[in-house]
Amino acid sequence: MNISTHMPPYDTVDAYPTRHPDKEQIIERADPVLWSEWHEGAPISRDEATRYAKNGYLVRHDMFADDELDLMVETARGLRDTDPAERPADFVTEPGSDDVRTVFRLDEHSPVFARLAADTRLAGVAEFLLNDRVYLHQSRLNYKPGFKGKEFYWHSDFETWHAEDGLPRMRSVSASVLLTDNSRLNGPLLLIPGSQNEFIACKGETPDNNHESSLKAQEVGVPQPETISKFARDLGLDAASGPTGTVVFFDCNTLHGSNGNITPDPRSNAFFVFNSITNRPVSPFAAAKPRPAWLSNRDRIMPIDTIDGPITR
């Protein structure tokens, strides 16, 4: 792999100042979206690479065998059904409910998902998109039960990862593996294509321990409604729908969110955040201290050794 030299390792320069006390600001992106040049041996097609660079995300289908999907779905169901008395701090519940909303440190809770995170179908693609070795900055399992699954408001992941975790540059990508069918009705991932090219420096300083409330309902580090309206009007909206097993790769700065789910059909997705090994976190750029390790990996930063072959128990 020809490693890019766009930035020095462990950059401490604040290229994207945010969380201003009294204003919102839009900053032009200073980093590539697609860090690699496409070549014949790339893990995605030329057309897919072009679409990712243009839109800030890529939807891929039919990447897993049925028995692999059955294993992942069964494992996700088991984590969701963990006894409330035995749930650790990285199990986040819905507002006003004991229903599980998110399970963080997914790769630590499950050998099956640890194996999935290292799979060439995920980590190998991430290495190409970022033109570097990668590690897991964060992993999580998001549930959205039928009838009462709550929404996730519009946001850029990078804004939080930069402000509260200290990721210096936009050299991260998320891979969302759909563990249920995601239709346009049951709260799928919504994205604004092309929004990755501008950084929204948000209004409002970071409260202490902001994660304790933001994981249930994010209020700090989100764009103003009029800004979202302008982006949606200028660029459009898309829903990353697809059957179980679909994988959505999306850039760290792509604006996204999801509606609440009042259909009978639950929605469940596994997320793996791959960060360039040369983009490791430094001190937070707009918070007094980093978020907990289960939200922001700071002490297990080792390049993933990608694995080929089927995922088994």
C-alpha atoms as a PDB file:
ATOM      1  CA  MET A   1       0.000   0.000   0.000  1.00  0.00           C
ATOM      2  CA  ASN A   2       1.301   3.472  -0.879  1.00  0.00           C
ATOM      3  CA  ILE A   3       0.658   5.426   2.300  1.00  0.00           C
ATOM      4  CA  SER A   4      -0.485   9.007   1.730  1.00  0.00           C
ATOM      5  CA  THR A   5       1.578  11.871   3.111  1.00  0.00           C
ATOM      6  CA  HIS A   6      -1.165  14.501   3.230  1.00  0.00           C
ATOM      7  CA  MET A   7      -0.649  15.050   6.964  1.00  0.00           C
ATOM      8  CA  PRO A   8       1.963  14.302   9.595  1.00  0.00           C
ATOM      9  CA  PRO A   9       1.145  11.670  12.226  1.00  0.00           C
ATOM     10  CA  TYR A  10      -0.472  12.789  15.478  1.00  0.00           C
ATOM     11  CA  ASP A  11      -1.339  16.273  14.252  1.00  0.00           C
ATOM     12  CA  THR A  12      -2.126  18.689  17.104  1.00  0.00           C
ATOM     13  CA  VAL A  13      -3.101  21.663  14.920  1.00  0.00           C
ATOM     14  CA  ASP A  14      -6.798  22.532  15.188  1.00  0.00           C
ATOM     15  CA  ALA A  15      -7.791  22.569  11.525  1.00  0.00           C
ATOM     16  CA  TYR A  16     -11.516  22.518  12.366  1.00  0.00           C
ATOM     17  CA  PRO A  17     -12.297  24.774  15.367  1.00  0.00           C
ATOM     18  CA  THR A  18     -15.829  24.165  16.652  1.00  0.00           C
ATOM     19  CA  ARG A  19     -18.190  24.581  19.633  1.00  0.00           C
ATOM     20  CA  HIS A  20     -18.124  28.378  19.448  1.00  0.00           C
ATOM     21  CA  PRO A  21     -20.087  29.958  22.317  1.00  0.00           C
ATOM     22  CA  ASP A  22     -22.192  32.281  20.178  1.00  0.00           C
ATOM     23  CA  LYS A  23     -22.046  31.319  16.502  1.00  0.00           C
ATOM     24  CA  GLU A  24     -22.105  28.564  13.933  1.00  0.00           C
ATOM     25  CA  GLN A  25     -19.569  28.603  11.119  1.00  0.00           C
ATOM     26  CA  ILE A  26     -19.109  26.614   7.906  1.00  0.00           C
ATOM     27  CA  ILE A  27     -15.525  25.711   6.981  1.00  0.00           C
ATOM     28  CA  GLU A  28     -14.359  24.218   3.701  1.00  0.00           C
ATOM     29  CA  ARG A  29     -12.935  20.728   4.129  1.00  0.00           C
ATOM     30  CA  ALA A  30      -9.121  20.675   4.106  1.00  0.00           C
ATOM     31  CA  ASP A  31      -8.676  16.888   3.749  1.00  0.00           C
ATOM     32  CA  PRO A  32      -9.366  14.419   0.930  1.00  0.00           C
ATOM     33  CA  VAL A  33     -12.547  12.345   0.984  1.00  0.00           C
ATOM     34  CA  LEU A  34     -11.065   9.421  -0.939  1.00  0.00           C
ATOM     35  CA  TRP A  35      -7.405   9.223   0.100  1.00  0.00           C
ATOM     36  CA  SER A  36      -6.347   6.583  -2.469  1.00  0.00           C
ATOM     37  CA  GLU A  37      -6.078   6.615  -6.233  1.00  0.00           C
ATOM     38  CA  TRP A  38      -8.233   3.851  -7.698  1.00  0.00           C
ATOM     39  CA  HIS A  39      -6.304   0.921  -9.211  1.00  0.00           C
ATOM     40  CA  GLU A  40      -7.115  -2.497 -10.664  1.00  0.00           C
ATOM     41  CA  GLY A  41      -6.426  -4.292  -7.374  1.00  0.00           C
ATOM     42  CA  ALA A  42      -8.707  -2.018  -5.318  1.00  0.00           C
ATOM     43  CA  PRO A  43     -11.400  -3.721  -3.188  1.00  0.00           C
ATOM     44  CA  ILE A  44     -14.127  -1.582  -4.775  1.00  0.00           C
ATOM     45  CA  SER A  45     -14.867  -0.720  -8.378  1.00  0.00           C
ATOM     46  CA  ARG A  46     -13.836   2.510 -10.072  1.00  0.00           C
ATOM     47  CA  ASP A  47     -17.493   3.582 -10.167  1.00  0.00           C
ATOM     48  CA  GLU A  48     -17.892   2.894  -6.443  1.00  0.00           C
ATOM     49  CA  ALA A  49     -14.759   4.915  -5.666  1.00  0.00           C
ATOM     50  CA  THR A  50     -16.095   7.817  -7.729  1.00  0.00           C
ATOM     51  CA  ARG A  51     -19.474   7.716  -6.003  1.00  0.00           C
ATOM     52  CA  TYR A  52     -17.866   7.604  -2.554  1.00  0.00           C
ATOM     53  CA  ALA A  53     -15.693  10.636  -3.322  1.00  0.00           C
ATOM     54  CA  LYS A  54     -18.681  12.555  -4.698  1.00  0.00           C
ATOM     55  CA  ASN A  55     -21.372  11.639  -2.162  1.00  0.00           C
ATOM     56  CA  GLY A  56     -19.409  10.812   0.988  1.00  0.00           C
ATOM     57  CA  TYR A  57     -20.870   7.309   1.271  1.00  0.00           C
ATOM     58  CA  LEU A  58     -21.143   3.998  -0.542  1.00  0.00           C
ATOM     59  CA  VAL A  59     -23.809   1.286  -0.237  1.00  0.00           C
ATOM     60  CA  ARG A  60     -22.721  -2.290  -1.010  1.00  0.00           C
ATOM     61  CA  HIS A  61     -24.940  -5.386  -1.201  1.00  0.00           C
ATOM     62  CA  ASP A  62     -24.534  -9.177  -1.092  1.00  0.00           C
ATOM     63  CA  MET A  63     -21.256  -9.200   0.818  1.00  0.00           C
ATOM     64  CA  PHE A  64     -22.054 -12.022   3.264  1.00  0.00           C
ATOM     65  CA  ALA A  65     -23.334 -15.577   3.059  1.00  0.00           C
ATOM     66  CA  ASP A  66     -26.621 -16.521   4.718  1.00  0.00           C
ATOM     67  CA  ASP A  67     -24.960 -18.486   7.524  1.00  0.00           C
ATOM     68  CA  GLU A  68     -22.704 -15.518   8.329  1.00  0.00           C
ATOM     69  CA  LEU A  69     -25.732 -13.237   8.543  1.00  0.00           C
ATOM     70  CA  ASP A  70     -27.640 -15.699  10.724  1.00  0.00           C
ATOM     71  CA  LEU A  71     -24.717 -15.786  13.150  1.00  0.00           C
ATOM     72  CA  MET A  72     -24.427 -12.000  13.319  1.00  0.00           C
ATOM     73  CA  VAL A  73     -28.186 -11.507  13.804  1.00  0.00           C
ATOM     74  CA  GLU A  74     -28.312 -14.153  16.531  1.00  0.00           C
ATOM     75  CA  THR A  75     -25.332 -12.582  18.314  1.00  0.00           C
ATOM     76  CA  ALA A  76     -26.859  -9.096  18.143  1.00  0.00           C
ATOM     77  CA  ARG A  77     -30.124 -10.417  19.575  1.00  0.00           C
ATOM     78  CA  GLY A  78     -28.279 -11.992  22.487  1.00  0.00           C
ATOM     79  CA  LEU A  79     -26.536  -8.722  23.366  1.00  0.00           C
ATOM     80  CA  ARG A  80     -29.796  -6.786  23.214  1.00  0.00           C
ATOM     81  CA  ASP A  81     -31.427  -9.269  25.596  1.00  0.00           C
ATOM     82  CA  THR A  82     -28.739  -8.974  28.276  1.00  0.00           C
ATOM     83  CA  ASP A  83     -30.317  -8.803  31.760  1.00  0.00           C
ATOM     84  CA  PRO A  84     -30.619  -5.109  32.767  1.00  0.00           C
ATOM     85  CA  ALA A  85     -28.949  -5.908  36.095  1.00  0.00           C
ATOM     86  CA  GLU A  86     -25.888  -7.198  34.250  1.00  0.00           C
ATOM     87  CA  ARG A  87     -25.472  -4.426  31.677  1.00  0.00           C
ATOM     88  CA  PRO A  88     -22.202  -2.472  31.909  1.00  0.00           C
ATOM     89  CA  ALA A  89     -21.895   1.300  31.395  1.00  0.00           C
ATOM     90  CA  ASP A  90     -21.402   0.897  27.654  1.00  0.00           C
ATOM     91  CA  PHE A  91     -24.981  -0.345  27.220  1.00  0.00           C
ATOM     92  CA  VAL A  92     -27.010   2.838  26.576  1.00  0.00           C
ATOM     93  CA  THR A  93     -30.806   2.709  26.933  1.00  0.00           C
ATOM     94  CA  GLU A  94     -33.556   4.658  25.225  1.00  0.00           C
ATOM     95  CA  PRO A  95     -34.653   7.925  26.887  1.00  0.00           C
ATOM     96  CA  GLY A  96     -37.140   7.061  29.633  1.00  0.00           C
ATOM     97  CA  SER A  97     -36.876   3.306  29.030  1.00  0.00           C
ATOM     98  CA  ASP A  98     -34.802   0.220  29.846  1.00  0.00           C
ATOM     99  CA  ASP A  99     -34.772  -0.783  26.177  1.00  0.00           C
ATOM    100  CA  VAL A 100     -31.242  -0.993  24.791  1.00  0.00           C
ATOM    101  CA  ARG A 101     -30.473   1.823  22.331  1.00  0.00           C
ATOM    102  CA  THR A 102     -26.746   1.227  21.750  1.00  0.00           C
ATOM    103  CA  VAL A 103     -24.095  -1.292  22.791  1.00  0.00           C
ATOM    104  CA  PHE A 104     -20.606   0.199  22.589  1.00  0.00           C
ATOM    105  CA  ARG A 105     -17.289  -1.698  22.463  1.00  0.00           C
ATOM    106  CA  LEU A 106     -19.028  -4.221  20.273  1.00  0.00           C
ATOM    107  CA  ASP A 107     -15.757  -5.899  19.347  1.00  0.00           C
ATOM    108  CA  GLU A 108     -14.983  -6.512  23.037  1.00  0.00           C
ATOM    109  CA  HIS A 109     -18.425  -7.872  23.881  1.00  0.00           C
ATOM    110  CA  SER A 110     -18.470 -10.384  21.024  1.00  0.00           C
ATOM    111  CA  PRO A 111     -15.788 -12.478  19.285  1.00  0.00           C
ATOM    112  CA  VAL A 112     -18.115 -12.710  16.284  1.00  0.00           C
ATOM    113  CA  PHE A 113     -18.179  -8.937  15.875  1.00  0.00           C
ATOM    114  CA  ALA A 114     -14.455  -8.657  16.603  1.00  0.00           C
ATOM    115  CA  ARG A 115     -13.908 -11.013  13.687  1.00  0.00           C
ATOM    116  CA  LEU A 116     -16.303  -8.988  11.506  1.00  0.00           C
ATOM    117  CA  ALA A 117     -14.399  -5.783  12.304  1.00  0.00           C
ATOM    118  CA  ALA A 118     -11.172  -7.330  10.972  1.00  0.00           C
ATOM    119  CA  ASP A 119     -12.744  -8.762   7.840  1.00  0.00           C
ATOM    120  CA  THR A 120     -11.270  -7.623   4.539  1.00  0.00           C
ATOM    121  CA  ARG A 121     -14.809  -6.813   3.370  1.00  0.00           C
ATOM    122  CA  LEU A 122     -14.850  -4.032   5.988  1.00  0.00           C
ATOM    123  CA  ALA A 123     -11.344  -3.192   7.204  1.00  0.00           C
ATOM    124  CA  GLY A 124      -9.816  -3.870   3.789  1.00  0.00           C
ATOM    125  CA  VAL A 125     -12.166  -1.393   2.148  1.00  0.00           C
ATOM    126  CA  ALA A 126     -11.484   1.131   4.926  1.00  0.00           C
ATOM    127  CA  GLU A 127      -7.731   0.819   4.299  1.00  0.00           C
ATOM    128  CA  PHE A 128      -8.303   1.662   0.655  1.00  0.00           C
ATOM    129  CA  LEU A 129     -10.616   4.593   1.348  1.00  0.00           C
ATOM    130  CA  LEU A 130      -8.159   6.073   3.880  1.00  0.00           C
ATOM    131  CA  ASN A 131      -4.925   4.948   2.186  1.00  0.00           C
ATOM    132  CA  ASP A 132      -3.473   3.774   5.499  1.00  0.00           C
ATOM    133  CA  ARG A 133      -3.512   0.998   8.053  1.00  0.00           C
ATOM    134  CA  VAL A 134      -6.562   1.351  10.291  1.00  0.00           C
ATOM    135  CA  TYR A 135      -7.666   0.637  13.841  1.00  0.00           C
ATOM    136  CA  LEU A 136     -11.063   0.729  15.541  1.00  0.00           C
ATOM    137  CA  HIS A 137     -11.771   4.109  17.061  1.00  0.00           C
ATOM    138  CA  GLN A 138     -15.228   2.961  18.130  1.00  0.00           C
ATOM    139  CA  SER A 139     -17.644   0.094  17.567  1.00  0.00           C
ATOM    140  CA  ARG A 140     -21.293  -0.069  18.482  1.00  0.00           C
ATOM    141  CA  LEU A 141     -24.580  -1.832  17.884  1.00  0.00           C
ATOM    142  CA  ASN A 142     -27.592   0.432  17.365  1.00  0.00           C
ATOM    143  CA  TYR A 143     -31.076  -0.937  17.981  1.00  0.00           C
ATOM    144  CA  LYS A 144     -34.297   0.705  16.940  1.00  0.00           C
ATOM    145  CA  PRO A 145     -37.227  -1.471  18.048  1.00  0.00           C
ATOM    146  CA  GLY A 146     -40.542  -1.462  16.259  1.00  0.00           C
ATOM    147  CA  PHE A 147     -43.210   1.040  17.369  1.00  0.00           C
ATOM    148  CA  LYS A 148     -40.972   2.967  19.808  1.00  0.00           C
ATOM    149  CA  GLY A 149     -37.439   3.280  18.384  1.00  0.00           C
ATOM    150  CA  LYS A 150     -36.188   6.834  18.858  1.00  0.00           C
ATOM    151  CA  GLU A 151     -34.538   9.034  16.271  1.00  0.00           C
ATOM    152  CA  PHE A 152     -30.866  10.033  15.943  1.00  0.00           C
ATOM    153  CA  TYR A 153     -30.671  13.745  15.105  1.00  0.00           C
ATOM    154  CA  TRP A 154     -28.670  15.187  12.188  1.00  0.00           C
ATOM    155  CA  HIS A 155     -24.942  15.402  12.880  1.00  0.00           C
ATOM    156  CA  SER A 156     -21.434  14.913  11.565  1.00  0.00           C
ATOM    157  CA  ASP A 157     -19.557  12.237  13.507  1.00  0.00           C
ATOM    158  CA  PHE A 158     -16.271  14.045  12.962  1.00  0.00           C
ATOM    159  CA  GLU A 159     -17.510  17.137  14.781  1.00  0.00           C
ATOM    160  CA  THR A 160     -17.872  15.128  18.001  1.00  0.00           C
ATOM    161  CA  TRP A 161     -14.789  12.991  17.426  1.00  0.00           C
ATOM    162  CA  HIS A 162     -12.719  16.137  16.849  1.00  0.00           C
ATOM    163  CA  ALA A 163     -14.237  18.231  19.640  1.00  0.00           C
ATOM    164  CA  GLU A 164     -14.534  15.573  22.360  1.00  0.00           C
ATOM    165  CA  ASP A 165     -12.171  12.751  21.339  1.00  0.00           C
ATOM    166  CA  GLY A 166      -9.335  14.708  19.739  1.00  0.00           C
ATOM    167  CA  LEU A 167      -9.231  13.152  16.269  1.00  0.00           C
ATOM    168  CA  PRO A 168      -7.173  15.733  14.351  1.00  0.00           C
ATOM    169  CA  ARG A 169      -8.245  15.276  10.743  1.00  0.00           C
ATOM    170  CA  MET A 170     -11.019  13.843   8.560  1.00  0.00           C
ATOM    171  CA  ARG A 171      -9.369  10.488   7.963  1.00  0.00           C
ATOM    172  CA  SER A 172     -11.980   8.099   9.360  1.00  0.00           C
ATOM    173  CA  VAL A 173     -14.787   6.059   7.869  1.00  0.00           C
ATOM    174  CA  SER A 174     -17.731   4.184   9.379  1.00  0.00           C
ATOM    175  CA  ALA A 175     -18.987   0.852   8.111  1.00  0.00           C
ATOM    176  CA  SER A 176     -22.594   0.118   9.035  1.00  0.00           C
ATOM    177  CA  VAL A 177     -23.655  -3.510   8.635  1.00  0.00           C
ATOM    178  CA  LEU A 178     -27.439  -3.882   8.419  1.00  0.00           C
ATOM    179  CA  LEU A 179     -28.576  -6.701  10.714  1.00  0.00           C
ATOM    180  CA  THR A 180     -32.232  -6.302   9.819  1.00  0.00           C
ATOM    181  CA  ASP A 181     -33.881  -5.140   6.639  1.00  0.00           C
ATOM    182  CA  ASN A 182     -33.692  -1.342   6.559  1.00  0.00           C
ATOM    183  CA  SER A 183     -36.548   0.055   4.506  1.00  0.00           C
ATOM    184  CA  ARG A 184     -37.297   3.700   3.870  1.00  0.00           C
ATOM    185  CA  LEU A 185     -39.996   3.393   6.563  1.00  0.00           C
ATOM    186  CA  ASN A 186     -38.386   1.881   9.682  1.00  0.00           C
ATOM    187  CA  GLY A 187     -35.788   4.515  10.499  1.00  0.00           C
ATOM    188  CA  PRO A 188     -32.900   3.850   8.093  1.00  0.00           C
ATOM    189  CA  LEU A 189     -29.707   5.862   7.944  1.00  0.00           C
ATOM    190  CA  LEU A 190     -30.452   9.184   6.221  1.00  0.00           C
ATOM    191  CA  LEU A 191     -27.609  11.064   4.548  1.00  0.00           C
ATOM    192  CA  ILE A 192     -27.027  14.344   2.741  1.00  0.00           C
ATOM    193  CA  PRO A 193     -24.892  13.510  -0.319  1.00  0.00           C
ATOM    194  CA  GLY A 194     -21.969  15.874  -0.811  1.00  0.00           C
ATOM    195  CA  SER A 195     -22.214  17.325   2.702  1.00  0.00           C
ATOM    196  CA  GLN A 196     -18.817  15.839   3.584  1.00  0.00           C
ATOM    197  CA  ASN A 197     -17.103  18.673   1.725  1.00  0.00           C
ATOM    198  CA  GLU A 198     -17.943  21.328   4.323  1.00  0.00           C
ATOM    199  CA  PHE A 199     -17.431  21.244   8.077  1.00  0.00           C
ATOM    200  CA  ILE A 200     -20.125  22.760  10.261  1.00  0.00           C
ATOM    201  CA  ALA A 201     -18.441  24.285  13.303  1.00  0.00           C
ATOM    202  CA  CYS A 202     -21.280  24.101  15.792  1.00  0.00           C
ATOM    203  CA  LYS A 203     -22.617  26.662  18.206  1.00  0.00           C
ATOM    204  CA  GLY A 204     -22.442  25.984  21.928  1.00  0.00           C
ATOM    205  CA  GLU A 205     -19.621  25.030  24.259  1.00  0.00           C
ATOM    206  CA  THR A 206     -19.213  21.452  25.459  1.00  0.00           C
ATOM    207  CA  PRO A 207     -20.695  20.783  28.926  1.00  0.00           C
ATOM    208  CA  ASP A 208     -18.807  18.563  31.343  1.00  0.00           C
ATOM    209  CA  ASN A 209     -19.599  14.874  30.766  1.00  0.00           C
ATOM    210  CA  ASN A 210     -21.653  15.779  27.723  1.00  0.00           C
ATOM    211  CA  HIS A 211     -21.732  12.124  26.600  1.00  0.00           C
ATOM    212  CA  GLU A 212     -23.983  11.179  29.505  1.00  0.00           C
ATOM    213  CA  SER A 213     -26.888  12.983  27.836  1.00  0.00           C
ATOM    214  CA  SER A 214     -25.784  13.215  24.191  1.00  0.00           C
ATOM    215  CA  LEU A 215     -25.879   9.438  23.675  1.00  0.00           C
ATOM    216  CA  LYS A 216     -29.599   9.468  24.420  1.00  0.00           C
ATOM    217  CA  ALA A 217     -30.437  12.757  22.696  1.00  0.00           C
ATOM    218  CA  GLN A 218     -27.713  14.938  21.192  1.00  0.00           C
ATOM    219  CA  GLU A 219     -28.162  18.685  21.669  1.00  0.00           C
ATOM    220  CA  VAL A 220     -24.590  20.047  21.605  1.00  0.00           C
ATOM    221  CA  GLY A 221     -22.482  19.565  18.487  1.00  0.00           C
ATOM    222  CA  VAL A 222     -25.409  19.532  16.062  1.00  0.00           C
ATOM    223  CA  PRO A 223     -26.079  21.963  13.186  1.00  0.00           C
ATOM    224  CA  GLN A 224     -28.761  24.612  13.405  1.00  0.00           C
ATOM    225  CA  PRO A 225     -32.062  23.680  11.702  1.00  0.00           C
ATOM    226  CA  GLU A 226     -31.682  26.392   9.079  1.00  0.00           C
ATOM    227  CA  THR A 227     -28.251  25.000   8.165  1.00  0.00           C
ATOM    228  CA  ILE A 228     -29.614  21.490   7.721  1.00  0.00           C
ATOM    229  CA  SER A 229     -32.450  22.941   5.643  1.00  0.00           C
ATOM    230  CA  LYS A 230     -29.983  24.691   3.345  1.00  0.00           C
ATOM    231  CA  PHE A 231     -27.793  21.610   2.923  1.00  0.00           C
ATOM    232  CA  ALA A 232     -30.832  19.428   2.192  1.00  0.00           C
ATOM    233  CA  ARG A 233     -32.267  21.963  -0.257  1.00  0.00           C
ATOM    234  CA  ASP A 234     -28.964  22.343  -2.104  1.00  0.00           C
ATOM    235  CA  LEU A 235     -27.746  18.734  -2.015  1.00  0.00           C
ATOM    236  CA  GLY A 236     -30.799  16.540  -1.433  1.00  0.00           C
ATOM    237  CA  LEU A 237     -31.508  13.679   0.966  1.00  0.00           C
ATOM    238  CA  ASP A 238     -30.953   9.947   0.628  1.00  0.00           C
ATOM    239  CA  ALA A 239     -31.911   6.859   2.637  1.00  0.00           C
ATOM    240  CA  ALA A 240     -29.394   4.016   2.892  1.00  0.00           C
ATOM    241  CA  SER A 241     -31.951   1.229   2.723  1.00  0.00           C
ATOM    242  CA  GLY A 242     -31.336  -2.398   1.882  1.00  0.00           C
ATOM    243  CA  PRO A 243     -31.803  -5.991   3.025  1.00  0.00           C
ATOM    244  CA  THR A 244     -29.992  -7.600   5.926  1.00  0.00           C
ATOM    245  CA  GLY A 245     -26.276  -7.793   5.146  1.00  0.00           C
ATOM    246  CA  THR A 246     -26.066  -4.522   3.242  1.00  0.00           C
ATOM    247  CA  VAL A 247     -23.002  -2.465   4.216  1.00  0.00           C
ATOM    248  CA  VAL A 248     -22.923   1.328   4.183  1.00  0.00           C
ATOM    249  CA  PHE A 249     -19.510   3.004   4.237  1.00  0.00           C
ATOM    250  CA  PHE A 250     -19.750   6.703   5.054  1.00  0.00           C
ATOM    251  CA  ASP A 251     -17.171   9.412   5.557  1.00  0.00           C
ATOM    252  CA  CYS A 252     -16.701  10.825   9.037  1.00  0.00           C
ATOM    253  CA  ASN A 253     -17.986  14.269   8.014  1.00  0.00           C
ATOM    254  CA  THR A 254     -21.062  13.227   6.027  1.00  0.00           C
ATOM    255  CA  LEU A 255     -24.196  14.659   7.625  1.00  0.00           C
ATOM    256  CA  HIS A 256     -26.531  11.878   8.675  1.00  0.00           C
ATOM    257  CA  GLY A 257     -29.280  10.934  11.110  1.00  0.00           C
ATOM    258  CA  SER A 258     -32.336   8.696  11.247  1.00  0.00           C
ATOM    259  CA  ASN A 259     -36.040   8.956  11.922  1.00  0.00           C
ATOM    260  CA  GLY A 260     -37.864   7.298  14.780  1.00  0.00           C
ATOM    261  CA  ASN A 261     -39.378   3.901  14.040  1.00  0.00           C
ATOM    262  CA  ILE A 262     -43.125   3.501  14.549  1.00  0.00           C
ATOM    263  CA  THR A 263     -43.448   0.572  12.142  1.00  0.00           C
ATOM    264  CA  PRO A 264     -43.750  -2.996  13.479  1.00  0.00           C
ATOM    265  CA  ASP A 265     -40.362  -3.820  11.938  1.00  0.00           C
ATOM    266  CA  PRO A 266     -37.273  -3.363  14.145  1.00  0.00           C
ATOM    267  CA  ARG A 267     -34.015  -1.929  12.819  1.00  0.00           C
ATOM    268  CA  SER A 268     -30.600  -3.062  14.003  1.00  0.00           C
ATOM    269  CA  ASN A 269     -27.186  -2.064  12.629  1.00  0.00           C
ATOM    270  CA  ALA A 270     -23.587  -2.735  13.672  1.00  0.00           C
ATOM    271  CA  PHE A 271     -21.185   0.184  13.254  1.00  0.00           C
ATOM    272  CA  PHE A 272     -17.412   0.022  13.031  1.00  0.00           C
ATOM    273  CA  VAL A 273     -15.424   3.261  12.979  1.00  0.00           C
ATOM    274  CA  PHE A 274     -12.092   2.801  11.217  1.00  0.00           C
ATOM    275  CA  ASN A 275      -9.529   5.533  11.818  1.00  0.00           C
ATOM    276  CA  SER A 276      -6.187   5.989  10.093  1.00  0.00           C
ATOM    277  CA  ILE A 277      -3.318   4.856  12.309  1.00  0.00           C
ATOM    278  CA  THR A 278      -1.628   8.210  11.605  1.00  0.00           C
ATOM    279  CA  ASN A 279      -4.714  10.107  12.823  1.00  0.00           C
ATOM    280  CA  ARG A 280      -4.685   8.861  16.395  1.00  0.00           C
ATOM    281  CA  PRO A 281      -6.427  11.030  19.019  1.00  0.00           C
ATOM    282  CA  VAL A 282      -4.694  13.865  20.820  1.00  0.00           C
ATOM    283  CA  SER A 283      -6.195  16.113  23.504  1.00  0.00           C
ATOM    284  CA  PRO A 284      -9.800  17.068  22.723  1.00  0.00           C
ATOM    285  CA  PHE A 285     -10.079  20.252  20.696  1.00  0.00           C
ATOM    286  CA  ALA A 286     -13.277  21.536  22.354  1.00  0.00           C
ATOM    287  CA  ALA A 287     -13.780  19.650  25.617  1.00  0.00           C
ATOM    288  CA  ALA A 288     -12.094  19.643  29.007  1.00  0.00           C
ATOM    289  CA  LYS A 289     -11.276  15.926  28.883  1.00  0.00           C
ATOM    290  CA  PRO A 290     -11.707  12.966  26.518  1.00  0.00           C
ATOM    291  CA  ARG A 291     -14.807  10.827  26.547  1.00  0.00           C
ATOM    292  CA  PRO A 292     -14.550   7.402  28.231  1.00  0.00           C
ATOM    293  CA  ALA A 293     -12.498   4.689  26.541  1.00  0.00           C
ATOM    294  CA  TRP A 294     -15.624   2.768  25.549  1.00  0.00           C
ATOM    295  CA  LEU A 295     -16.581   5.721  23.330  1.00  0.00           C
ATOM    296  CA  SER A 296     -13.132   6.727  22.136  1.00  0.00           C
ATOM    297  CA  ASN A 297     -10.346   4.166  21.870  1.00  0.00           C
ATOM    298  CA  ARG A 298      -7.152   5.792  23.109  1.00  0.00           C
ATOM    299  CA  ASP A 299      -5.204   2.890  24.615  1.00  0.00           C
ATOM    300  CA  ARG A 300      -5.631  -0.025  22.173  1.00  0.00           C
ATOM    301  CA  ILE A 301      -4.393   1.662  19.011  1.00  0.00           C
ATOM    302  CA  MET A 302      -2.948  -1.179  16.965  1.00  0.00           C
ATOM    303  CA  PRO A 303      -3.320  -1.647  13.197  1.00  0.00           C
ATOM    304  CA  ILE A 304      -5.882  -4.275  12.298  1.00  0.00           C
ATOM    305  CA  ASP A 305      -4.537  -7.376  10.604  1.00  0.00           C
ATOM    306  CA  THR A 306      -7.247  -7.993   8.049  1.00  0.00           C
ATOM    307  CA  ILE A 307      -8.705 -11.485   7.685  1.00  0.00           C
ATOM    308  CA  ASP A 308     -10.125 -13.255   4.639  1.00  0.00           C
ATOM    309  CA  GLY A 309     -12.613 -16.095   4.689  1.00  0.00           C
ATOM    310  CA  PRO A 310     -16.064 -16.827   6.155  1.00  0.00           C
ATOM    311  CA  ILE A 311     -17.126 -15.604   9.592  1.00  0.00           C
ATOM    312  CA  THR A 312     -17.867 -18.544  11.874  1.00  0.00           C
ATOM    313  CA  ARG A 313     -18.657 -19.082  15.554  1.00  0.00           C
END
